[in-house]
Amino acid sequence: MLRNNPKVFRLVCPALRWSEQQQEWRCSLDRDKVRPFWGRALCYYCAAGLALYLALILVAFGGMRATGMELSYADIAWPPGWRHFNEIRARHYFQKGQAALAANRFAEANLALPLAYELDPTHYGTGFLLAQWREAGQGRLSDQVFRQLLASHPERAGETSRAWGRALLRRGEFPQLVRLARNRLQLERDATTWLHALIFSARMLDDAAPLATGAALPGLSNEMRALLQLEMRALSGDGADTLRPADRGCQRLCAILPDQFSKRPRPGGAGA
């Protein structure tokens, strides 16, 4: 191309001039002054490379937008922004998983949600939805995700722990529910729900040991400690006639559990 069109060659060799006398293109410099113009050549090569790069990025951008990803051209054209690319992809798959669940496309949700969590395990919404979704079929994975959410998002520990507690209750995982209840009794100010969860789990397990360890927790209010000790005595086989009138009143309070606990059948019973 340069041989057939010398004018193009002047882009990298400005010393090339048209000679009217000889009617041809000739170098205007003396032989001892001839030198390569590397800087000019490098600039043109870099410009061509940049144009090719931007064209390829444009094609990639169009393909990603066609799949529904919400991103700007700068997100993939600017290299420092690439570190956020996994977050963008994770958000895309999270939204796909949400839409799939809403439309009862469970196979699609089963692919999208784990991929979103793998790309960005710090996103609370993704982890919370995945933990709830995997609750029935993959209880251990659900517990692992709930545990990670509690560790990485302490500001939302109340919401996370209550959802986890309900999941454990539905699956009848009472030993795990006991551990969770004891932990939350120490960390939450209004821990009445966890007191009931601990009592109900001990009844389902027919074991007073969880109540004993719960009553020994530091920072527990005197009223909660008294209720746990009373329930522990009743569960251990102490007769109701040995209780003082005040104790009988406390026992009636212990027996009134939230609907979400009282409706749960004992393991091995009807509906288990």
Protein backbone atom coordinates (compact mmCIF):
# COMPACT_ATOMS: atom_id res chain seq x y z
CA MET A 1 0.00 0.00 0.00
CA LEU A 2 2.85 2.37 0.82
CA ARG A 3 4.61 1.60 -2.47
CA ASN A 4 1.54 2.38 -4.55
CA ASN A 5 0.58 5.45 -2.56
CA PRO A 6 3.66 7.37 -1.40
CA LYS A 7 1.48 10.09 0.12
CA VAL A 8 0.49 7.62 2.84
CA PHE A 9 4.16 6.93 3.56
CA ARG A 10 4.59 10.62 4.37
CA LEU A 11 2.62 9.99 7.53
CA VAL A 12 5.67 8.27 8.98
CA CYS A 13 8.32 9.99 6.86
CA PRO A 14 7.61 13.73 6.54
CA ALA A 15 10.92 14.22 4.65
CA LEU A 16 9.37 12.65 1.57
CA ARG A 17 8.71 15.36 -1.04
CA TRP A 18 7.44 15.46 -4.62
CA SER A 19 10.13 16.56 -7.00
CA GLU A 20 8.76 18.66 -9.90
CA GLN A 21 12.07 18.42 -11.65
CA GLN A 22 12.30 14.64 -11.58
CA GLN A 23 8.53 14.06 -11.37
CA GLU A 24 8.81 11.57 -8.54
CA TRP A 25 8.76 11.30 -4.77
CA ARG A 26 12.19 11.79 -3.22
CA CYS A 27 13.66 12.28 0.27
CA SER A 28 14.31 15.96 0.88
CA LEU A 29 17.14 15.33 3.37
CA ASP A 30 20.82 14.89 2.67
CA ARG A 31 22.09 11.35 2.91
CA ASP A 32 23.94 11.95 6.19
CA LYS A 33 20.82 13.45 7.76
CA VAL A 34 18.44 10.65 6.93
CA ARG A 35 16.94 9.07 10.09
CA PRO A 36 13.88 6.99 10.94
CA PHE A 37 10.94 8.82 12.51
CA TRP A 38 10.22 6.20 15.16
CA GLY A 39 8.14 8.44 17.36
CA ARG A 40 5.76 9.32 14.57
CA ALA A 41 5.50 5.67 13.51
CA LEU A 42 4.84 4.58 17.09
CA CYS A 43 2.05 7.15 17.46
CA TYR A 44 0.30 5.88 14.36
CA TYR A 45 0.64 2.27 15.36
CA CYS A 46 -0.71 3.06 18.85
CA ALA A 47 -3.63 4.97 17.35
CA ALA A 48 -4.45 2.01 15.10
CA GLY A 49 -4.20 -0.39 18.06
CA LEU A 50 -6.43 1.83 20.20
CA ALA A 51 -9.03 2.03 17.45
CA LEU A 52 -9.03 -1.76 17.15
CA TYR A 53 -9.30 -2.14 20.94
CA LEU A 54 -12.27 0.23 21.15
CA ALA A 55 -13.97 -1.57 18.28
CA LEU A 56 -13.58 -4.95 20.01
CA ILE A 57 -14.83 -3.48 23.30
CA LEU A 58 -17.83 -2.06 21.45
CA VAL A 59 -18.67 -5.50 20.08
CA ALA A 60 -18.32 -7.05 23.56
CA PHE A 61 -20.44 -4.26 25.07
CA GLY A 62 -23.19 -4.83 22.54
CA GLY A 63 -23.18 -8.58 23.22
CA MET A 64 -23.41 -8.11 26.99
CA ARG A 65 -26.19 -5.56 26.75
CA ALA A 66 -28.05 -7.93 24.46
CA THR A 67 -28.06 -10.54 27.26
CA GLY A 68 -29.61 -8.01 29.65
CA MET A 69 -26.56 -6.91 31.66
CA GLU A 70 -26.85 -3.40 33.08
CA LEU A 71 -23.46 -1.82 32.41
CA SER A 72 -22.00 1.19 30.66
CA TYR A 73 -19.40 1.27 27.91
CA ALA A 74 -16.87 2.67 30.38
CA ASP A 75 -17.33 -0.37 32.66
CA ILE A 76 -15.53 -2.57 30.14
CA ALA A 77 -13.56 0.01 28.13
CA TRP A 78 -11.68 1.43 31.16
CA PRO A 79 -9.28 -1.26 32.52
CA PRO A 80 -9.33 -0.04 36.18
CA GLY A 81 -13.09 -0.60 36.12
CA TRP A 82 -12.66 -4.30 35.36
CA ARG A 83 -12.32 -5.08 39.05
CA HIS A 84 -16.06 -4.36 39.37
CA PHE A 85 -16.96 -6.65 36.50
CA ASN A 86 -17.76 -9.63 38.74
CA GLU A 87 -20.11 -7.45 40.78
CA ILE A 88 -21.92 -6.39 37.60
CA ARG A 89 -22.26 -9.99 36.46
CA ALA A 90 -23.37 -11.07 39.93
CA ARG A 91 -26.10 -8.41 39.96
CA HIS A 92 -27.24 -9.59 36.54
CA TYR A 93 -27.56 -13.23 37.61
CA PHE A 94 -29.20 -12.22 40.89
CA GLN A 95 -31.90 -10.34 38.99
CA LYS A 96 -32.32 -13.31 36.66
CA GLY A 97 -32.71 -15.61 39.66
CA GLN A 98 -35.31 -13.33 41.25
CA ALA A 99 -37.30 -13.15 38.01
CA ALA A 100 -37.06 -16.92 37.55
CA LEU A 101 -38.40 -17.61 41.05
CA ALA A 102 -41.25 -15.16 40.54
CA ALA A 103 -42.16 -16.97 37.32
CA ASN A 104 -41.75 -20.45 38.88
CA ARG A 105 -38.81 -21.24 36.57
CA PHE A 106 -37.01 -23.14 39.28
CA ALA A 107 -34.39 -24.79 37.07
CA GLU A 108 -33.25 -21.37 35.83
CA ALA A 109 -33.17 -19.99 39.38
CA ASN A 110 -31.16 -23.01 40.52
CA LEU A 111 -28.45 -22.03 38.01
CA ALA A 112 -28.54 -18.25 38.34
CA LEU A 113 -28.53 -17.77 42.13
CA PRO A 114 -25.48 -19.96 42.97
CA LEU A 115 -23.54 -18.31 40.13
CA ALA A 116 -24.45 -14.84 41.43
CA TYR A 117 -23.32 -15.80 44.95
CA GLU A 118 -20.08 -17.29 43.64
CA LEU A 119 -19.27 -14.10 41.72
CA ASP A 120 -20.04 -11.80 44.66
CA PRO A 121 -20.43 -13.56 48.03
CA THR A 122 -20.55 -10.19 49.82
CA HIS A 123 -23.94 -9.23 48.36
CA TYR A 124 -26.50 -9.66 51.13
CA GLY A 125 -29.58 -10.02 48.94
CA THR A 126 -28.02 -12.81 46.88
CA GLY A 127 -26.87 -14.78 49.90
CA PHE A 128 -30.19 -14.34 51.73
CA LEU A 129 -32.24 -15.50 48.75
CA LEU A 130 -29.90 -18.42 48.05
CA ALA A 131 -30.02 -19.58 51.68
CA GLN A 132 -33.82 -19.56 51.65
CA TRP A 133 -33.95 -21.27 48.24
CA ARG A 134 -31.61 -24.08 49.27
CA GLU A 135 -33.29 -24.58 52.64
CA ALA A 136 -35.42 -27.57 51.69
CA GLY A 137 -33.14 -29.65 49.50
CA GLN A 138 -29.67 -28.62 50.67
CA GLY A 139 -29.95 -27.76 54.33
CA ARG A 140 -26.21 -27.78 55.02
CA LEU A 141 -25.53 -25.34 52.20
CA SER A 142 -28.34 -23.14 53.48
CA ASP A 143 -26.86 -23.17 56.99
CA GLN A 144 -23.41 -22.34 55.60
CA VAL A 145 -24.73 -19.32 53.71
CA PHE A 146 -26.75 -18.09 56.71
CA ARG A 147 -23.65 -18.45 58.88
CA GLN A 148 -21.59 -16.45 56.38
CA LEU A 149 -24.27 -13.74 56.26
CA LEU A 150 -24.19 -13.39 60.05
CA ALA A 151 -20.41 -13.01 59.99
CA SER A 152 -20.17 -10.59 57.06
CA HIS A 153 -23.30 -8.48 57.72
CA PRO A 154 -23.58 -7.98 61.50
CA GLU A 155 -25.79 -4.93 60.96
CA ARG A 156 -28.52 -7.26 59.63
CA ALA A 157 -27.96 -10.07 62.13
CA GLY A 158 -31.51 -9.84 63.50
CA GLU A 159 -33.14 -10.36 60.11
CA THR A 160 -30.69 -13.10 59.17
CA SER A 161 -30.93 -15.04 62.42
CA ARG A 162 -34.75 -15.00 62.43
CA ALA A 163 -34.88 -16.33 58.87
CA TRP A 164 -32.31 -18.99 59.75
CA GLY A 165 -34.25 -19.92 62.89
CA ARG A 166 -37.46 -20.40 60.90
CA ALA A 167 -35.58 -22.54 58.38
CA LEU A 168 -34.16 -24.75 61.15
CA LEU A 169 -37.58 -25.04 62.72
CA ARG A 170 -39.20 -26.15 59.48
CA ARG A 171 -36.52 -28.79 58.96
CA GLY A 172 -36.67 -29.97 62.57
CA GLU A 173 -32.97 -29.18 63.16
CA PHE A 174 -33.44 -28.61 66.87
CA PRO A 175 -29.80 -29.10 68.03
CA GLN A 176 -28.73 -26.40 65.56
CA LEU A 177 -31.66 -24.21 66.62
CA VAL A 178 -30.53 -24.56 70.25
CA ARG A 179 -27.05 -23.29 69.35
CA LEU A 180 -28.47 -20.39 67.37
CA ALA A 181 -30.91 -19.46 70.15
CA ARG A 182 -28.17 -19.47 72.79
CA ASN A 183 -26.03 -17.22 70.61
CA ARG A 184 -28.82 -14.72 69.98
CA LEU A 185 -29.87 -14.68 73.64
CA GLN A 186 -26.49 -13.14 74.43
CA LEU A 187 -26.51 -10.63 71.56
CA GLU A 188 -30.08 -9.33 71.27
CA ARG A 189 -31.78 -7.02 73.73
CA ASP A 190 -35.31 -8.23 73.05
CA ALA A 191 -34.59 -11.95 72.93
CA THR A 192 -38.04 -13.27 73.90
CA THR A 193 -38.37 -15.09 70.58
CA TRP A 194 -35.08 -16.89 71.17
CA LEU A 195 -36.09 -17.81 74.71
CA HIS A 196 -39.20 -19.47 73.30
CA ALA A 197 -37.12 -21.16 70.59
CA LEU A 198 -34.76 -22.58 73.19
CA ILE A 199 -37.60 -23.87 75.36
CA PHE A 200 -39.46 -25.36 72.40
CA SER A 201 -36.30 -27.08 71.08
CA ALA A 202 -35.61 -28.57 74.50
CA ARG A 203 -39.16 -29.94 74.58
CA MET A 204 -38.82 -31.44 71.11
CA LEU A 205 -35.49 -33.02 72.07
CA ASP A 206 -36.88 -34.04 75.47
CA ASP A 207 -33.62 -32.84 76.96
CA ALA A 208 -33.14 -30.31 79.77
CA ALA A 209 -29.43 -29.79 79.01
CA PRO A 210 -30.01 -26.91 76.52
CA LEU A 211 -32.02 -25.13 79.19
CA ALA A 212 -29.26 -25.55 81.75
CA THR A 213 -26.63 -24.10 79.43
CA GLY A 214 -29.04 -21.33 78.46
CA ALA A 215 -29.71 -20.40 82.09
CA ALA A 216 -25.95 -20.18 82.68
CA LEU A 217 -25.43 -17.60 79.91
CA PRO A 218 -23.91 -14.32 81.15
CA GLY A 219 -25.98 -11.19 80.77
CA LEU A 220 -29.32 -13.00 80.83
CA SER A 221 -32.09 -11.17 82.69
CA ASN A 222 -33.31 -12.61 85.99
CA GLU A 223 -36.79 -13.18 84.55
CA MET A 224 -35.47 -15.19 81.60
CA ARG A 225 -33.13 -17.16 83.84
CA ALA A 226 -36.03 -18.02 86.17
CA LEU A 227 -38.19 -19.18 83.27
CA LEU A 228 -35.42 -21.42 81.93
CA GLN A 229 -34.75 -22.91 85.34
CA LEU A 230 -38.46 -23.56 85.86
CA GLU A 231 -38.85 -25.23 82.46
CA MET A 232 -35.72 -27.25 83.18
CA ARG A 233 -37.22 -28.56 86.44
CA ALA A 234 -40.51 -29.43 84.71
CA LEU A 235 -38.75 -31.16 81.82
CA SER A 236 -36.49 -33.07 84.21
CA GLY A 237 -39.54 -34.68 85.82
CA ASP A 238 -40.22 -32.51 88.87
CA GLY A 239 -43.95 -32.79 89.65
CA ALA A 240 -46.19 -29.76 89.26
CA ASP A 241 -47.36 -30.16 92.88
CA THR A 242 -43.84 -29.37 94.11
CA LEU A 243 -43.89 -25.94 92.48
CA ARG A 244 -44.74 -22.81 94.40
CA PRO A 245 -47.80 -20.82 93.19
CA ALA A 246 -45.51 -18.25 91.64
CA ASP A 247 -43.66 -21.02 89.81
CA ARG A 248 -46.93 -22.39 88.44
CA GLY A 249 -47.68 -18.97 86.99
CA CYS A 250 -44.29 -18.88 85.32
CA GLN A 251 -44.86 -22.37 83.97
CA ARG A 252 -48.09 -21.27 82.32
CA LEU A 253 -46.18 -18.39 80.72
CA CYS A 254 -43.54 -20.82 79.42
CA ALA A 255 -46.25 -22.99 77.87
CA ILE A 256 -47.58 -20.13 75.73
CA LEU A 257 -45.28 -20.31 72.72
CA PRO A 258 -45.60 -18.40 69.42
CA ASP A 259 -47.74 -20.04 66.74
CA GLN A 260 -44.70 -20.76 64.58
CA PHE A 261 -43.36 -23.05 67.33
CA SER A 262 -46.57 -24.59 68.68
CA LYS A 263 -47.71 -25.75 65.23
CA ARG A 264 -44.50 -27.72 64.63
CA PRO A 265 -45.15 -31.48 65.22
CA ARG A 266 -42.76 -33.59 67.18
CA PRO A 267 -40.31 -35.67 65.10
CA GLY A 268 -41.90 -39.00 64.20
CA GLY A 269 -45.42 -37.75 64.91
CA ALA A 270 -48.21 -37.04 62.48
CA GLY A 271 -47.14 -34.70 59.73
CA ALA A 272 -43.42 -35.05 60.53
